[in-house]
C-alpha atoms as a PDB file:
ATOM      1  CA  UNK A   1       0.293  -0.067  -0.183  1.00  0.00           C
ATOM      2  CA  UNK A   2       1.302   3.502  -1.258  1.00  0.00           C
ATOM      3  CA  UNK A   3       0.391   6.106   1.236  1.00  0.00           C
ATOM      4  CA  UNK A   4       0.570   9.912   1.340  1.00  0.00           C
ATOM      5  CA  UNK A   5       1.741  11.210   4.790  1.00  0.00           C
ATOM      6  CA  UNK A   6       0.281  14.664   5.503  1.00  0.00           C
ATOM      7  CA  UNK A   7       2.089  17.378   7.194  1.00  0.00           C
ATOM      8  CA  UNK A   8      -0.174  16.895  10.674  1.00  0.00           C
ATOM      9  CA  UNK A   9       0.834  13.263  10.103  1.00  0.00           C
ATOM     10  CA  UNK A  10       4.709  14.104   9.902  1.00  0.00           C
ATOM     11  CA  UNK A  11       4.519  16.339  13.331  1.00  0.00           C
ATOM     12  CA  UNK A  12       2.615  13.895  15.005  1.00  0.00           C
ATOM     13  CA  UNK A  13       5.006  11.042  14.040  1.00  0.00           C
ATOM     14  CA  UNK A  14       7.855  13.034  15.426  1.00  0.00           C
ATOM     15  CA  UNK A  15       6.363  14.380  18.389  1.00  0.00           C
ATOM     16  CA  UNK A  16       4.796  10.997  19.405  1.00  0.00           C
ATOM     17  CA  UNK A  17       8.160   9.044  18.636  1.00  0.00           C
ATOM     18  CA  UNK A  18       6.855   6.590  15.833  1.00  0.00           C
ATOM     19  CA  UNK A  19       9.164   5.934  13.015  1.00  0.00           C
ATOM     20  CA  UNK A  20       8.517   5.088   9.579  1.00  0.00           C
ATOM     21  CA  UNK A  21       9.530   1.419  10.370  1.00  0.00           C
ATOM     22  CA  UNK A  22       7.231   1.245  12.860  1.00  0.00           C
ATOM     23  CA  UNK A  23       4.458   2.864  11.156  1.00  0.00           C
ATOM     24  CA  UNK A  24       5.402   0.202   7.937  1.00  0.00           C
ATOM     25  CA  UNK A  25       5.067  -2.528  10.597  1.00  0.00           C
ATOM     26  CA  UNK A  26       1.341  -1.329  11.639  1.00  0.00           C
ATOM     27  CA  UNK A  27       0.628  -0.748   8.038  1.00  0.00           C
ATOM     28  CA  UNK A  28       1.890  -4.153   7.201  1.00  0.00           C
ATOM     29  CA  UNK A  29       0.469  -6.260  10.304  1.00  0.00           C
ATOM     30  CA  UNK A  30      -2.196  -4.205  11.200  1.00  0.00           C
ATOM     31  CA  UNK A  31      -6.153  -4.808  10.979  1.00  0.00           C
ATOM     32  CA  UNK A  32      -7.729  -1.975   8.945  1.00  0.00           C
ATOM     33  CA  UNK A  33     -11.421  -0.726  10.262  1.00  0.00           C
ATOM     34  CA  UNK A  34     -13.682   1.320   8.646  1.00  0.00           C
ATOM     35  CA  UNK A  35     -14.556   4.476  11.209  1.00  0.00           C
ATOM     36  CA  UNK A  36     -17.701   5.405   9.222  1.00  0.00           C
ATOM     37  CA  UNK A  37     -16.694   8.901   8.733  1.00  0.00           C
ATOM     38  CA  UNK A  38     -14.404   8.691   5.626  1.00  0.00           C
ATOM     39  CA  UNK A  39     -11.491   7.185   7.347  1.00  0.00           C
ATOM     40  CA  UNK A  40     -10.000   4.099   8.485  1.00  0.00           C
ATOM     41  CA  UNK A  41      -8.157   3.044  11.624  1.00  0.00           C
ATOM     42  CA  UNK A  42      -5.352   0.715  11.565  1.00  0.00           C
ATOM     43  CA  UNK A  43      -4.429  -0.964  14.922  1.00  0.00           C
ATOM     44  CA  UNK A  44      -2.713  -3.912  16.337  1.00  0.00           C
ATOM     45  CA  UNK A  45      -6.078  -6.077  17.971  1.00  0.00           C
ATOM     46  CA  UNK A  46      -5.146  -9.041  20.207  1.00  0.00           C
ATOM     47  CA  UNK A  47      -5.502 -11.889  17.856  1.00  0.00           C
ATOM     48  CA  UNK A  48      -2.831  -9.908  15.683  1.00  0.00           C
ATOM     49  CA  UNK A  49      -0.836  -9.756  18.641  1.00  0.00           C
ATOM     50  CA  UNK A  50      -0.722 -12.915  19.013  1.00  0.00           C
ATOM     51  CA  UNK A  51       0.058 -13.881  15.212  1.00  0.00           C
ATOM     52  CA  UNK A  52       3.097 -11.488  15.365  1.00  0.00           C
ATOM     53  CA  UNK A  53       4.612 -12.921  18.528  1.00  0.00           C
ATOM     54  CA  UNK A  54       5.025 -16.419  16.751  1.00  0.00           C
ATOM     55  CA  UNK A  55       5.586 -14.915  13.361  1.00  0.00           C
ATOM     56  CA  UNK A  56       8.220 -12.719  14.139  1.00  0.00           C
ATOM     57  CA  UNK A  57      11.814 -13.161  15.208  1.00  0.00           C
ATOM     58  CA  UNK A  58      11.853 -12.972  19.236  1.00  0.00           C
ATOM     59  CA  UNK A  59      14.168  -9.834  19.451  1.00  0.00           C
ATOM     60  CA  UNK A  60      11.894  -8.009  15.988  1.00  0.00           C
ATOM     61  CA  UNK A  61       9.029  -8.865  18.491  1.00  0.00           C
ATOM     62  CA  UNK A  62      10.568  -7.095  21.618  1.00  0.00           C
ATOM     63  CA  UNK A  63      11.188  -4.065  19.649  1.00  0.00           C
ATOM     64  CA  UNK A  64       7.718  -3.612  18.508  1.00  0.00           C
ATOM     65  CA  UNK A  65       6.254  -4.616  21.928  1.00  0.00           C
ATOM     66  CA  UNK A  66       5.955  -0.991  22.846  1.00  0.00           C
ATOM     67  CA  UNK A  67       4.205  -0.034  19.793  1.00  0.00           C
ATOM     68  CA  UNK A  68       1.355  -2.242  20.002  1.00  0.00           C
ATOM     69  CA  UNK A  69      -0.893   0.328  21.261  1.00  0.00           C
ATOM     70  CA  UNK A  70      -0.177   2.382  17.991  1.00  0.00           C
ATOM     71  CA  UNK A  71      -2.980   3.660  15.900  1.00  0.00           C
ATOM     72  CA  UNK A  72      -2.956   5.648  12.520  1.00  0.00           C
ATOM     73  CA  UNK A  73      -5.883   6.913  10.720  1.00  0.00           C
ATOM     74  CA  UNK A  74      -5.893   6.904   6.803  1.00  0.00           C
ATOM     75  CA  UNK A  75      -8.281   8.566   4.419  1.00  0.00           C
ATOM     76  CA  UNK A  76      -9.872   6.229   1.710  1.00  0.00           C
ATOM     77  CA  UNK A  77      -7.654   7.566  -0.767  1.00  0.00           C
ATOM     78  CA  UNK A  78      -4.559   6.067   1.425  1.00  0.00           C
ATOM     79  CA  UNK A  79      -3.314   9.406   2.799  1.00  0.00           C
ATOM     80  CA  UNK A  80      -1.924   9.149   6.460  1.00  0.00           C
ATOM     81  CA  UNK A  81      -4.048  11.625   8.528  1.00  0.00           C
ATOM     82  CA  UNK A  82      -2.529  11.157  11.779  1.00  0.00           C
ATOM     83  CA  UNK A  83      -0.801   8.614  13.960  1.00  0.00           C
ATOM     84  CA  UNK A  84      -0.932   8.431  17.826  1.00  0.00           C
ATOM     85  CA  UNK A  85      -0.951   5.527  20.869  1.00  0.00           C
ATOM     86  CA  UNK A  86      -4.576   4.338  22.343  1.00  0.00           C
ATOM     87  CA  UNK A  87      -4.942   5.431  25.869  1.00  0.00           C
ATOM     88  CA  UNK A  88      -8.343   3.768  25.800  1.00  0.00           C
ATOM     89  CA  UNK A  89     -10.950   2.084  23.486  1.00  0.00           C
ATOM     90  CA  UNK A  90     -11.086   4.056  20.262  1.00  0.00           C
ATOM     91  CA  UNK A  91     -14.776   4.579  19.539  1.00  0.00           C
ATOM     92  CA  UNK A  92     -16.156   3.612  16.171  1.00  0.00           C
ATOM     93  CA  UNK A  93     -18.963   5.741  14.379  1.00  0.00           C
END
């Protein structure tokens, strides 16, 4: 998936210490859910985390582990709007 990163998303990535590599992992392995307002939210749900734990080498999983609450908001045109870390349940519209 080729995405366009908005200036807002670049700023949020820098503020929240989210590297391009971590974002790539989220987009590669994460699950996309439609939010109902024209956006998609990409997260690591529990079943994906279990799969990653068995699929990835131990060191790679350990480096990814602290980023498992990360999320990304995309438009349906594959434009990255923002990224962050969940502190509570994400509400879907």
